[in-house]
Amino acid sequence: MGLRIEYIEGQTPLDEDEKEGLLVKTISTRGELDEFEQLNIQSAIEWSLKAKVSKKQFLTEDFLMLVHRKMFGEVWAWAGTKRKSNKNIGSVFLGTFGFIKEKSNKEGVLRRYL
């Protein structure tokens, strides 16, 4: 028999592995994390509405990494960088965005994998 703690949705504490790379050290629950991420994403949406992006630039690896950094950069240290380990949250997808480099193309080319 041990102490059984039940949390209301959003109160679930983050474990130490989940906190790795977290920039806001006061975040301690999944609900708080969701709130900070949502605020950061809203800022990224506002930025995207003002950003001038060419069609050529739009689906490049650099641009998608910039968008990722805009979406999560105020919350996570790793925002806008490539993963260094495989994170499987339910499905397998090639890399962060499924990028491959082609010999004839210096830019990353987004590919759809089913």
PDB file of N, CA and C in Angstrom:
ATOM      1  N   MET A   1       0.842  -1.187   0.000  1.00  0.00           N
ATOM      2  CA  MET A   1       0.000   0.000   0.000  1.00  0.00           C
ATOM      3  C   MET A   1       0.880   1.240   0.000  1.00  0.00           C
ATOM      4  N   GLY A   2       0.583   2.129  -0.834  1.00  0.00           N
ATOM      5  CA  GLY A   2       1.314   3.383  -0.901  1.00  0.00           C
ATOM      6  C   GLY A   2       0.342   4.523  -1.104  1.00  0.00           C
ATOM      7  N   LEU A   3       0.864   5.670  -1.089  1.00  0.00           N
ATOM      8  CA  LEU A   3       0.060   6.853  -1.311  1.00  0.00           C
ATOM      9  C   LEU A   3      -0.346   6.905  -2.773  1.00  0.00           C
ATOM     10  N   ARG A   4      -1.627   6.986  -3.019  1.00  0.00           N
ATOM     11  CA  ARG A   4      -2.117   7.048  -4.397  1.00  0.00           C
ATOM     12  C   ARG A   4      -2.633   8.458  -4.650  1.00  0.00           C
ATOM     13  N   ILE A   5      -1.953   9.158  -5.537  1.00  0.00           N
ATOM     14  CA  ILE A   5      -2.327  10.524  -5.856  1.00  0.00           C
ATOM     15  C   ILE A   5      -3.001  10.528  -7.211  1.00  0.00           C
ATOM     16  N   GLU A   6      -4.180  11.107  -7.283  1.00  0.00           N
ATOM     17  CA  GLU A   6      -4.874  11.236  -8.559  1.00  0.00           C
ATOM     18  C   GLU A   6      -4.892  12.705  -8.936  1.00  0.00           C
ATOM     19  N   TYR A   7      -4.541  12.970 -10.180  1.00  0.00           N
ATOM     20  CA  TYR A   7      -4.460  14.338 -10.657  1.00  0.00           C
ATOM     21  C   TYR A   7      -5.635  14.658 -11.562  1.00  0.00           C
ATOM     22  N   ILE A   8      -6.108  15.886 -11.484  1.00  0.00           N
ATOM     23  CA  ILE A   8      -7.105  16.388 -12.409  1.00  0.00           C
ATOM     24  C   ILE A   8      -6.373  16.627 -13.725  1.00  0.00           C
ATOM     25  N   GLU A   9      -7.107  16.494 -14.845  1.00  0.00           N
ATOM     26  CA  GLU A   9      -6.469  16.691 -16.148  1.00  0.00           C
ATOM     27  C   GLU A   9      -5.722  18.025 -16.181  1.00  0.00           C
ATOM     28  N   GLY A  10      -4.470  17.989 -16.633  1.00  0.00           N
ATOM     29  CA  GLY A  10      -3.635  19.189 -16.687  1.00  0.00           C
ATOM     30  C   GLY A  10      -2.747  19.344 -15.469  1.00  0.00           C
ATOM     31  N   GLN A  11      -3.074  18.653 -14.386  1.00  0.00           N
ATOM     32  CA  GLN A  11      -2.256  18.737 -13.178  1.00  0.00           C
ATOM     33  C   GLN A  11      -1.139  17.705 -13.161  1.00  0.00           C
ATOM     34  N   THR A  12      -1.128  16.804 -14.131  1.00  0.00           N
ATOM     35  CA  THR A  12      -0.124  15.751 -14.168  1.00  0.00           C
ATOM     36  C   THR A  12       1.266  16.362 -14.153  1.00  0.00           C
ATOM     37  N   PRO A  13       2.081  15.995 -13.145  1.00  0.00           N
ATOM     38  CA  PRO A  13       3.430  16.580 -13.092  1.00  0.00           C
ATOM     39  C   PRO A  13       4.312  16.072 -14.227  1.00  0.00           C
ATOM     40  N   LEU A  14       5.224  16.925 -14.677  1.00  0.00           N
ATOM     41  CA  LEU A  14       6.201  16.534 -15.688  1.00  0.00           C
ATOM     42  C   LEU A  14       7.339  15.817 -14.991  1.00  0.00           C
ATOM     43  N   ASP A  15       7.806  14.703 -15.570  1.00  0.00           N
ATOM     44  CA  ASP A  15       8.967  14.044 -14.977  1.00  0.00           C
ATOM     45  C   ASP A  15      10.242  14.735 -15.459  1.00  0.00           C
ATOM     46  N   GLU A  16      11.347  14.391 -14.857  1.00  0.00           N
ATOM     47  CA  GLU A  16      12.612  15.080 -15.161  1.00  0.00           C
ATOM     48  C   GLU A  16      13.033  14.935 -16.617  1.00  0.00           C
ATOM     49  N   ASP A  17      12.754  13.779 -17.228  1.00  0.00           N
ATOM     50  CA  ASP A  17      13.087  13.597 -18.650  1.00  0.00           C
ATOM     51  C   ASP A  17      12.292  14.563 -19.519  1.00  0.00           C
ATOM     52  N   GLU A  18      11.030  14.785 -19.164  1.00  0.00           N
ATOM     53  CA  GLU A  18      10.182  15.685 -19.948  1.00  0.00           C
ATOM     54  C   GLU A  18      10.606  17.139 -19.795  1.00  0.00           C
ATOM     55  N   LYS A  19      11.269  17.470 -18.702  1.00  0.00           N
ATOM     56  CA  LYS A  19      11.689  18.851 -18.441  1.00  0.00           C
ATOM     57  C   LYS A  19      13.007  19.207 -19.137  1.00  0.00           C
ATOM     58  N   GLU A  20      13.691  18.207 -19.698  1.00  0.00           N
ATOM     59  CA  GLU A  20      14.973  18.467 -20.344  1.00  0.00           C
ATOM     60  C   GLU A  20      14.799  19.427 -21.517  1.00  0.00           C
ATOM     61  N   GLY A  21      15.496  20.531 -21.480  1.00  0.00           N
ATOM     62  CA  GLY A  21      15.410  21.530 -22.528  1.00  0.00           C
ATOM     63  C   GLY A  21      14.355  22.600 -22.276  1.00  0.00           C
ATOM     64  N   LEU A  22      13.630  22.482 -21.176  1.00  0.00           N
ATOM     65  CA  LEU A  22      12.589  23.446 -20.843  1.00  0.00           C
ATOM     66  C   LEU A  22      13.220  24.753 -20.387  1.00  0.00           C
ATOM     67  N   LEU A  23      12.857  25.854 -21.008  1.00  0.00           N
ATOM     68  CA  LEU A  23      13.437  27.160 -20.690  1.00  0.00           C
ATOM     69  C   LEU A  23      12.733  27.840 -19.521  1.00  0.00           C
ATOM     70  N   VAL A  24      11.460  27.539 -19.329  1.00  0.00           N
ATOM     71  CA  VAL A  24      10.682  28.156 -18.253  1.00  0.00           C
ATOM     72  C   VAL A  24      10.698  27.190 -17.077  1.00  0.00           C
ATOM     73  N   LYS A  25      11.589  27.437 -16.140  1.00  0.00           N
ATOM     74  CA  LYS A  25      11.830  26.494 -15.047  1.00  0.00           C
ATOM     75  C   LYS A  25      10.675  26.380 -14.063  1.00  0.00           C
ATOM     76  N   THR A  26       9.747  27.336 -14.087  1.00  0.00           N
ATOM     77  CA  THR A  26       8.613  27.280 -13.158  1.00  0.00           C
ATOM     78  C   THR A  26       7.500  26.364 -13.644  1.00  0.00           C
ATOM     79  N   ILE A  27       7.562  25.892 -14.884  1.00  0.00           N
ATOM     80  CA  ILE A  27       6.551  24.964 -15.394  1.00  0.00           C
ATOM     81  C   ILE A  27       6.742  23.622 -14.696  1.00  0.00           C
ATOM     82  N   SER A  28       5.658  23.116 -14.092  1.00  0.00           N
ATOM     83  CA  SER A  28       5.776  21.839 -13.390  1.00  0.00           C
ATOM     84  C   SER A  28       4.702  20.831 -13.776  1.00  0.00           C
ATOM     85  N   THR A  29       3.651  21.274 -14.469  1.00  0.00           N
ATOM     86  CA  THR A  29       2.595  20.341 -14.873  1.00  0.00           C
ATOM     87  C   THR A  29       2.375  20.402 -16.378  1.00  0.00           C
ATOM     88  N   ARG A  30       1.734  19.359 -16.869  1.00  0.00           N
ATOM     89  CA  ARG A  30       1.435  19.285 -18.295  1.00  0.00           C
ATOM     90  C   ARG A  30       0.496  20.431 -18.704  1.00  0.00           C
ATOM     91  N   GLY A  31      -0.433  20.798 -17.853  1.00  0.00           N
ATOM     92  CA  GLY A  31      -1.345  21.894 -18.145  1.00  0.00           C
ATOM     93  C   GLY A  31      -0.621  23.220 -18.296  1.00  0.00           C
ATOM     94  N   GLU A  32       0.336  23.471 -17.396  1.00  0.00           N
ATOM     95  CA  GLU A  32       1.139  24.702 -17.501  1.00  0.00           C
ATOM     96  C   GLU A  32       1.964  24.692 -18.783  1.00  0.00           C
ATOM     97  N   LEU A  33       2.535  23.548 -19.111  1.00  0.00           N
ATOM     98  CA  LEU A  33       3.311  23.425 -20.343  1.00  0.00           C
ATOM     99  C   LEU A  33       2.434  23.709 -21.554  1.00  0.00           C
ATOM    100  N   ASP A  34       1.251  23.120 -21.577  1.00  0.00           N
ATOM    101  CA  ASP A  34       0.325  23.351 -22.692  1.00  0.00           C
ATOM    102  C   ASP A  34       0.007  24.838 -22.845  1.00  0.00           C
ATOM    103  N   GLU A  35      -0.198  25.513 -21.723  1.00  0.00           N
ATOM    104  CA  GLU A  35      -0.536  26.939 -21.754  1.00  0.00           C
ATOM    105  C   GLU A  35       0.613  27.778 -22.318  1.00  0.00           C
ATOM    106  N   PHE A  36       1.838  27.514 -21.861  1.00  0.00           N
ATOM    107  CA  PHE A  36       2.997  28.256 -22.364  1.00  0.00           C
ATOM    108  C   PHE A  36       3.228  27.975 -23.842  1.00  0.00           C
ATOM    109  N   GLU A  37       3.093  26.706 -24.244  1.00  0.00           N
ATOM    110  CA  GLU A  37       3.273  26.375 -25.651  1.00  0.00           C
ATOM    111  C   GLU A  37       2.213  27.063 -26.504  1.00  0.00           C
ATOM    112  N   GLN A  38       0.966  27.089 -26.022  1.00  0.00           N
ATOM    113  CA  GLN A  38      -0.102  27.725 -26.790  1.00  0.00           C
ATOM    114  C   GLN A  38       0.170  29.215 -26.979  1.00  0.00           C
ATOM    115  N   LEU A  39       0.649  29.899 -25.948  1.00  0.00           N
ATOM    116  CA  LEU A  39       0.991  31.314 -26.069  1.00  0.00           C
ATOM    117  C   LEU A  39       2.094  31.525 -27.101  1.00  0.00           C
ATOM    118  N   ASN A  40       3.089  30.635 -27.074  1.00  0.00           N
ATOM    119  CA  ASN A  40       4.194  30.720 -28.025  1.00  0.00           C
ATOM    120  C   ASN A  40       3.696  30.475 -29.452  1.00  0.00           C
ATOM    121  N   ILE A  41       2.811  29.508 -29.626  1.00  0.00           N
ATOM    122  CA  ILE A  41       2.248  29.207 -30.946  1.00  0.00           C
ATOM    123  C   ILE A  41       1.423  30.387 -31.455  1.00  0.00           C
ATOM    124  N   GLN A  42       0.664  31.028 -30.576  1.00  0.00           N
ATOM    125  CA  GLN A  42      -0.114  32.196 -30.976  1.00  0.00           C
ATOM    126  C   GLN A  42       0.816  33.315 -31.473  1.00  0.00           C
ATOM    127  N   SER A  43       1.930  33.511 -30.807  1.00  0.00           N
ATOM    128  CA  SER A  43       2.910  34.507 -31.259  1.00  0.00           C
ATOM    129  C   SER A  43       3.451  34.145 -32.637  1.00  0.00           C
ATOM    130  N   ALA A  44       3.695  32.850 -32.853  1.00  0.00           N
ATOM    131  CA  ALA A  44       4.202  32.391 -34.152  1.00  0.00           C
ATOM    132  C   ALA A  44       3.172  32.623 -35.254  1.00  0.00           C
ATOM    133  N   ILE A  45       1.910  32.430 -34.949  1.00  0.00           N
ATOM    134  CA  ILE A  45       0.859  32.671 -35.940  1.00  0.00           C
ATOM    135  C   ILE A  45       0.833  34.146 -36.312  1.00  0.00           C
ATOM    136  N   GLU A  46       0.913  35.014 -35.320  1.00  0.00           N
ATOM    137  CA  GLU A  46       0.943  36.457 -35.579  1.00  0.00           C
ATOM    138  C   GLU A  46       2.144  36.817 -36.445  1.00  0.00           C
ATOM    139  N   TRP A  47       3.306  36.235 -36.142  1.00  0.00           N
ATOM    140  CA  TRP A  47       4.513  36.462 -36.943  1.00  0.00           C
ATOM    141  C   TRP A  47       4.291  35.998 -38.381  1.00  0.00           C
ATOM    142  N   SER A  48       3.691  34.818 -38.532  1.00  0.00           N
ATOM    143  CA  SER A  48       3.529  34.247 -39.880  1.00  0.00           C
ATOM    144  C   SER A  48       2.607  35.088 -40.757  1.00  0.00           C
ATOM    145  N   LEU A  49       1.642  35.763 -40.147  1.00  0.00           N
ATOM    146  CA  LEU A  49       0.729  36.604 -40.924  1.00  0.00           C
ATOM    147  C   LEU A  49       1.413  37.850 -41.470  1.00  0.00           C
ATOM    148  N   LYS A  50       2.522  38.243 -40.844  1.00  0.00           N
ATOM    149  CA  LYS A  50       3.263  39.429 -41.267  1.00  0.00           C
ATOM    150  C   LYS A  50       4.494  39.085 -42.104  1.00  0.00           C
ATOM    151  N   ALA A  51       4.952  37.839 -42.003  1.00  0.00           N
ATOM    152  CA  ALA A  51       6.193  37.429 -42.671  1.00  0.00           C
ATOM    153  C   ALA A  51       6.018  37.416 -44.188  1.00  0.00           C
ATOM    154  N   LYS A  52       7.044  37.850 -44.866  1.00  0.00           N
ATOM    155  CA  LYS A  52       7.056  37.809 -46.328  1.00  0.00           C
ATOM    156  C   LYS A  52       7.930  36.617 -46.736  1.00  0.00           C
ATOM    157  N   VAL A  53       7.278  35.601 -47.270  1.00  0.00           N
ATOM    158  CA  VAL A  53       7.972  34.361 -47.607  1.00  0.00           C
ATOM    159  C   VAL A  53       7.697  34.015 -49.063  1.00  0.00           C
ATOM    160  N   SER A  54       8.756  33.762 -49.800  1.00  0.00           N
ATOM    161  CA  SER A  54       8.588  33.385 -51.202  1.00  0.00           C
ATOM    162  C   SER A  54       8.154  31.924 -51.306  1.00  0.00           C
ATOM    163  N   LYS A  55       7.560  31.563 -52.429  1.00  0.00           N
ATOM    164  CA  LYS A  55       7.159  30.175 -52.656  1.00  0.00           C
ATOM    165  C   LYS A  55       8.373  29.252 -52.621  1.00  0.00           C
ATOM    166  N   LYS A  56       9.472  29.740 -53.148  1.00  0.00           N
ATOM    167  CA  LYS A  56      10.702  28.933 -53.180  1.00  0.00           C
ATOM    168  C   LYS A  56      11.205  28.651 -51.768  1.00  0.00           C
ATOM    169  N   GLN A  57      11.081  29.617 -50.900  1.00  0.00           N
ATOM    170  CA  GLN A  57      11.569  29.504 -49.526  1.00  0.00           C
ATOM    171  C   GLN A  57      10.633  28.690 -48.636  1.00  0.00           C
ATOM    172  N   PHE A  58       9.350  28.680 -48.962  1.00  0.00           N
ATOM    173  CA  PHE A  58       8.301  28.180 -48.084  1.00  0.00           C
ATOM    174  C   PHE A  58       8.521  26.763 -47.553  1.00  0.00           C
ATOM    175  N   LEU A  59       8.878  25.822 -48.388  1.00  0.00           N
ATOM    176  CA  LEU A  59       9.040  24.442 -47.929  1.00  0.00           C
ATOM    177  C   LEU A  59      10.490  24.006 -47.799  1.00  0.00           C
ATOM    178  N   THR A  60      11.379  24.938 -47.565  1.00  0.00           N
ATOM    179  CA  THR A  60      12.772  24.563 -47.346  1.00  0.00           C
ATOM    180  C   THR A  60      12.957  24.113 -45.901  1.00  0.00           C
ATOM    181  N   GLU A  61      13.970  23.342 -45.681  1.00  0.00           N
ATOM    182  CA  GLU A  61      14.283  22.873 -44.332  1.00  0.00           C
ATOM    183  C   GLU A  61      14.559  24.059 -43.407  1.00  0.00           C
ATOM    184  N   ASP A  62      15.325  25.021 -43.874  1.00  0.00           N
ATOM    185  CA  ASP A  62      15.646  26.192 -43.046  1.00  0.00           C
ATOM    186  C   ASP A  62      14.396  26.945 -42.609  1.00  0.00           C
ATOM    187  N   PHE A  63      13.449  27.123 -43.540  1.00  0.00           N
ATOM    188  CA  PHE A  63      12.239  27.857 -43.200  1.00  0.00           C
ATOM    189  C   PHE A  63      11.389  27.077 -42.200  1.00  0.00           C
ATOM    190  N   LEU A  64      11.247  25.772 -42.403  1.00  0.00           N
ATOM    191  CA  LEU A  64      10.454  24.978 -41.466  1.00  0.00           C
ATOM    192  C   LEU A  64      11.093  24.950 -40.084  1.00  0.00           C
ATOM    193  N   MET A  65      12.407  24.943 -40.015  1.00  0.00           N
ATOM    194  CA  MET A  65      13.082  25.013 -38.721  1.00  0.00           C
ATOM    195  C   MET A  65      12.835  26.374 -38.062  1.00  0.00           C
ATOM    196  N   LEU A  66      12.800  27.440 -38.868  1.00  0.00           N
ATOM    197  CA  LEU A  66      12.496  28.774 -38.358  1.00  0.00           C
ATOM    198  C   LEU A  66      11.076  28.811 -37.783  1.00  0.00           C
ATOM    199  N   VAL A  67      10.124  28.236 -38.503  1.00  0.00           N
ATOM    200  CA  VAL A  67       8.742  28.185 -38.014  1.00  0.00           C
ATOM    201  C   VAL A  67       8.677  27.414 -36.698  1.00  0.00           C
ATOM    202  N   HIS A  68       9.366  26.294 -36.626  1.00  0.00           N
ATOM    203  CA  HIS A  68       9.396  25.493 -35.392  1.00  0.00           C
ATOM    204  C   HIS A  68       9.978  26.308 -34.234  1.00  0.00           C
ATOM    205  N   ARG A  69      11.048  27.053 -34.521  1.00  0.00           N
ATOM    206  CA  ARG A  69      11.672  27.902 -33.490  1.00  0.00           C
ATOM    207  C   ARG A  69      10.699  29.004 -33.042  1.00  0.00           C
ATOM    208  N   LYS A  70       9.973  29.582 -33.994  1.00  0.00           N
ATOM    209  CA  LYS A  70       8.987  30.610 -33.654  1.00  0.00           C
ATOM    210  C   LYS A  70       7.861  30.020 -32.802  1.00  0.00           C
ATOM    211  N   MET A  71       7.485  28.770 -33.076  1.00  0.00           N
ATOM    212  CA  MET A  71       6.382  28.141 -32.360  1.00  0.00           C
ATOM    213  C   MET A  71       6.747  27.695 -30.946  1.00  0.00           C
ATOM    214  N   PHE A  72       7.997  27.286 -30.732  1.00  0.00           N
ATOM    215  CA  PHE A  72       8.361  26.702 -29.442  1.00  0.00           C
ATOM    216  C   PHE A  72       9.601  27.310 -28.792  1.00  0.00           C
ATOM    217  N   GLY A  73      10.218  28.306 -29.418  1.00  0.00           N
ATOM    218  CA  GLY A  73      11.492  28.855 -28.962  1.00  0.00           C
ATOM    219  C   GLY A  73      11.482  29.561 -27.627  1.00  0.00           C
ATOM    220  N   GLU A  74      10.317  30.011 -27.155  1.00  0.00           N
ATOM    221  CA  GLU A  74      10.254  30.660 -25.853  1.00  0.00           C
ATOM    222  C   GLU A  74      10.054  29.650 -24.735  1.00  0.00           C
ATOM    223  N   VAL A  75       9.805  28.388 -25.105  1.00  0.00           N
ATOM    224  CA  VAL A  75       9.529  27.341 -24.119  1.00  0.00           C
ATOM    225  C   VAL A  75      10.632  26.283 -24.081  1.00  0.00           C
ATOM    226  N   TRP A  76      11.158  25.901 -25.263  1.00  0.00           N
ATOM    227  CA  TRP A  76      12.114  24.797 -25.357  1.00  0.00           C
ATOM    228  C   TRP A  76      13.448  25.247 -25.959  1.00  0.00           C
ATOM    229  N   ALA A  77      14.540  24.816 -25.358  1.00  0.00           N
ATOM    230  CA  ALA A  77      15.883  25.136 -25.862  1.00  0.00           C
ATOM    231  C   ALA A  77      16.138  24.490 -27.219  1.00  0.00           C
ATOM    232  N   TRP A  78      15.528  23.344 -27.494  1.00  0.00           N
ATOM    233  CA  TRP A  78      15.783  22.607 -28.727  1.00  0.00           C
ATOM    234  C   TRP A  78      14.901  23.062 -29.887  1.00  0.00           C
ATOM    235  N   ALA A  79      14.048  24.038 -29.680  1.00  0.00           N
ATOM    236  CA  ALA A  79      13.134  24.486 -30.744  1.00  0.00           C
ATOM    237  C   ALA A  79      13.917  24.937 -31.973  1.00  0.00           C
ATOM    238  N   GLY A  80      13.484  24.503 -33.136  1.00  0.00           N
ATOM    239  CA  GLY A  80      14.124  24.895 -34.384  1.00  0.00           C
ATOM    240  C   GLY A  80      15.382  24.121 -34.711  1.00  0.00           C
ATOM    241  N   THR A  81      15.628  23.033 -34.005  1.00  0.00           N
ATOM    242  CA  THR A  81      16.798  22.196 -34.278  1.00  0.00           C
ATOM    243  C   THR A  81      16.331  20.795 -34.660  1.00  0.00           C
ATOM    244  N   LYS A  82      17.219  20.042 -35.269  1.00  0.00           N
ATOM    245  CA  LYS A  82      16.896  18.663 -35.628  1.00  0.00           C
ATOM    246  C   LYS A  82      17.014  17.781 -34.389  1.00  0.00           C
ATOM    247  N   ARG A  83      16.190  16.776 -34.354  1.00  0.00           N
ATOM    248  CA  ARG A  83      16.244  15.826 -33.233  1.00  0.00           C
ATOM    249  C   ARG A  83      17.559  15.069 -33.241  1.00  0.00           C
ATOM    250  N   LYS A  84      18.013  14.794 -32.036  1.00  0.00           N
ATOM    251  CA  LYS A  84      19.238  14.012 -31.884  1.00  0.00           C
ATOM    252  C   LYS A  84      18.919  12.561 -31.514  1.00  0.00           C
ATOM    253  N   SER A  85      17.644  12.300 -31.226  1.00  0.00           N
ATOM    254  CA  SER A  85      17.200  10.944 -30.925  1.00  0.00           C
ATOM    255  C   SER A  85      15.792  10.758 -31.483  1.00  0.00           C
ATOM    256  N   ASN A  86      15.389   9.520 -31.654  1.00  0.00           N
ATOM    257  CA  ASN A  86      14.078   9.220 -32.205  1.00  0.00           C
ATOM    258  C   ASN A  86      13.012   9.348 -31.123  1.00  0.00           C
ATOM    259  N   LYS A  87      12.009  10.164 -31.373  1.00  0.00           N
ATOM    260  CA  LYS A  87      10.888  10.332 -30.459  1.00  0.00           C
ATOM    261  C   LYS A  87       9.656   9.797 -31.153  1.00  0.00           C
ATOM    262  N   ASN A  88       9.145   8.682 -30.711  1.00  0.00           N
ATOM    263  CA  ASN A  88       7.969   8.089 -31.329  1.00  0.00           C
ATOM    264  C   ASN A  88       6.775   8.334 -30.427  1.00  0.00           C
ATOM    265  N   ILE A  89       5.830   9.154 -30.904  1.00  0.00           N
ATOM    266  CA  ILE A  89       4.636   9.437 -30.106  1.00  0.00           C
ATOM    267  C   ILE A  89       3.403   8.812 -30.744  1.00  0.00           C
ATOM    268  N   GLY A  90       3.587   7.678 -31.363  1.00  0.00           N
ATOM    269  CA  GLY A  90       2.443   6.963 -31.899  1.00  0.00           C
ATOM    270  C   GLY A  90       2.569   6.541 -33.345  1.00  0.00           C
ATOM    271  N   SER A  91       3.394   7.196 -34.111  1.00  0.00           N
ATOM    272  CA  SER A  91       3.597   6.791 -35.494  1.00  0.00           C
ATOM    273  C   SER A  91       5.038   7.084 -35.879  1.00  0.00           C
ATOM    274  N   VAL A  92       5.495   6.391 -36.874  1.00  0.00           N
ATOM    275  CA  VAL A  92       6.875   6.570 -37.325  1.00  0.00           C
ATOM    276  C   VAL A  92       6.863   7.522 -38.513  1.00  0.00           C
ATOM    277  N   PHE A  93       7.690   8.540 -38.468  1.00  0.00           N
ATOM    278  CA  PHE A  93       7.817   9.502 -39.556  1.00  0.00           C
ATOM    279  C   PHE A  93       9.301   9.742 -39.739  1.00  0.00           C
ATOM    280  N   LEU A  94       9.745   9.907 -40.922  1.00  0.00           N
ATOM    281  CA  LEU A  94      11.167  10.049 -41.190  1.00  0.00           C
ATOM    282  C   LEU A  94      11.682  11.397 -40.718  1.00  0.00           C
ATOM    283  N   GLY A  95      12.498  11.386 -39.673  1.00  0.00           N
ATOM    284  CA  GLY A  95      13.105  12.618 -39.168  1.00  0.00           C
ATOM    285  C   GLY A  95      12.057  13.573 -38.632  1.00  0.00           C
ATOM    286  N   THR A  96      12.477  14.793 -38.352  1.00  0.00           N
ATOM    287  CA  THR A  96      11.566  15.786 -37.820  1.00  0.00           C
ATOM    288  C   THR A  96      10.481  16.135 -38.816  1.00  0.00           C
ATOM    289  N   PHE A  97      10.825  16.344 -40.060  1.00  0.00           N
ATOM    290  CA  PHE A  97       9.863  16.724 -41.078  1.00  0.00           C
ATOM    291  C   PHE A  97       9.860  15.767 -42.265  1.00  0.00           C
ATOM    292  N   GLY A  98      10.626  14.684 -42.225  1.00  0.00           N
ATOM    293  CA  GLY A  98      10.706  13.786 -43.360  1.00  0.00           C
ATOM    294  C   GLY A  98      11.538  14.354 -44.490  1.00  0.00           C
ATOM    295  N   PHE A  99      12.592  15.075 -44.160  1.00  0.00           N
ATOM    296  CA  PHE A  99      13.439  15.682 -45.180  1.00  0.00           C
ATOM    297  C   PHE A  99      14.446  14.695 -45.728  1.00  0.00           C
ATOM    298  N   ILE A 100      14.700  14.833 -46.988  1.00  0.00           N
ATOM    299  CA  ILE A 100      15.837  14.155 -47.601  1.00  0.00           C
ATOM    300  C   ILE A 100      16.556  15.188 -48.443  1.00  0.00           C
ATOM    301  N   LYS A 101      17.824  15.034 -48.571  1.00  0.00           N
ATOM    302  CA  LYS A 101      18.601  15.928 -49.433  1.00  0.00           C
ATOM    303  C   LYS A 101      18.810  15.228 -50.761  1.00  0.00           C
ATOM    304  N   GLU A 102      18.585  15.927 -51.814  1.00  0.00           N
ATOM    305  CA  GLU A 102      18.828  15.380 -53.137  1.00  0.00           C
ATOM    306  C   GLU A 102      20.129  15.949 -53.681  1.00  0.00           C
ATOM    307  N   LYS A 103      20.869  15.151 -54.408  1.00  0.00           N
ATOM    308  CA  LYS A 103      22.145  15.596 -54.957  1.00  0.00           C
ATOM    309  C   LYS A 103      21.972  16.797 -55.875  1.00  0.00           C
ATOM    310  N   SER A 104      20.869  16.838 -56.605  1.00  0.00           N
ATOM    311  CA  SER A 104      20.672  17.921 -57.557  1.00  0.00           C
ATOM    312  C   SER A 104      20.046  19.162 -56.909  1.00  0.00           C
ATOM    313  N   ASN A 105      19.750  19.101 -55.634  1.00  0.00           N
ATOM    314  CA  ASN A 105      19.059  20.190 -54.962  1.00  0.00           C
ATOM    315  C   ASN A 105      19.766  20.508 -53.652  1.00  0.00           C
ATOM    316  N   LYS A 106      20.253  21.730 -53.504  1.00  0.00           N
ATOM    317  CA  LYS A 106      20.968  22.118 -52.286  1.00  0.00           C
ATOM    318  C   LYS A 106      20.013  22.339 -51.122  1.00  0.00           C
ATOM    319  N   GLU A 107      18.741  22.614 -51.403  1.00  0.00           N
ATOM    320  CA  GLU A 107      17.769  22.875 -50.355  1.00  0.00           C
ATOM    321  C   GLU A 107      17.103  21.575 -49.934  1.00  0.00           C
ATOM    322  N   GLY A 108      16.576  21.540 -48.696  1.00  0.00           N
ATOM    323  CA  GLY A 108      15.814  20.375 -48.238  1.00  0.00           C
ATOM    324  C   GLY A 108      14.512  20.296 -49.016  1.00  0.00           C
ATOM    325  N   VAL A 109      14.076  19.123 -49.351  1.00  0.00           N
ATOM    326  CA  VAL A 109      12.840  18.954 -50.096  1.00  0.00           C
ATOM    327  C   VAL A 109      11.873  18.168 -49.213  1.00  0.00           C
ATOM    328  N   LEU A 110      10.707  18.749 -48.949  1.00  0.00           N
ATOM    329  CA  LEU A 110       9.727  18.077 -48.116  1.00  0.00           C
ATOM    330  C   LEU A 110       9.062  16.961 -48.912  1.00  0.00           C
ATOM    331  N   ARG A 111       9.061  15.787 -48.363  1.00  0.00           N
ATOM    332  CA  ARG A 111       8.438  14.633 -49.014  1.00  0.00           C
ATOM    333  C   ARG A 111       7.353  14.081 -48.104  1.00  0.00           C
ATOM    334  N   ARG A 112       6.311  13.579 -48.696  1.00  0.00           N
ATOM    335  CA  ARG A 112       5.241  12.975 -47.938  1.00  0.00           C
ATOM    336  C   ARG A 112       5.428  11.473 -47.944  1.00  0.00           C
ATOM    337  N   TYR A 113       5.431  10.881 -46.768  1.00  0.00           N
ATOM    338  CA  TYR A 113       5.588   9.447 -46.631  1.00  0.00           C
ATOM    339  C   TYR A 113       4.341   8.875 -45.991  1.00  0.00           C
ATOM    340  N   LEU A 114       3.788   7.825 -46.577  1.00  0.00           N
ATOM    341  CA  LEU A 114       2.598   7.169 -46.028  1.00  0.00           C
ATOM    342  C   LEU A 114       2.975   5.826 -45.462  1.00  0.00           C
TER     343      LEU A 114
END
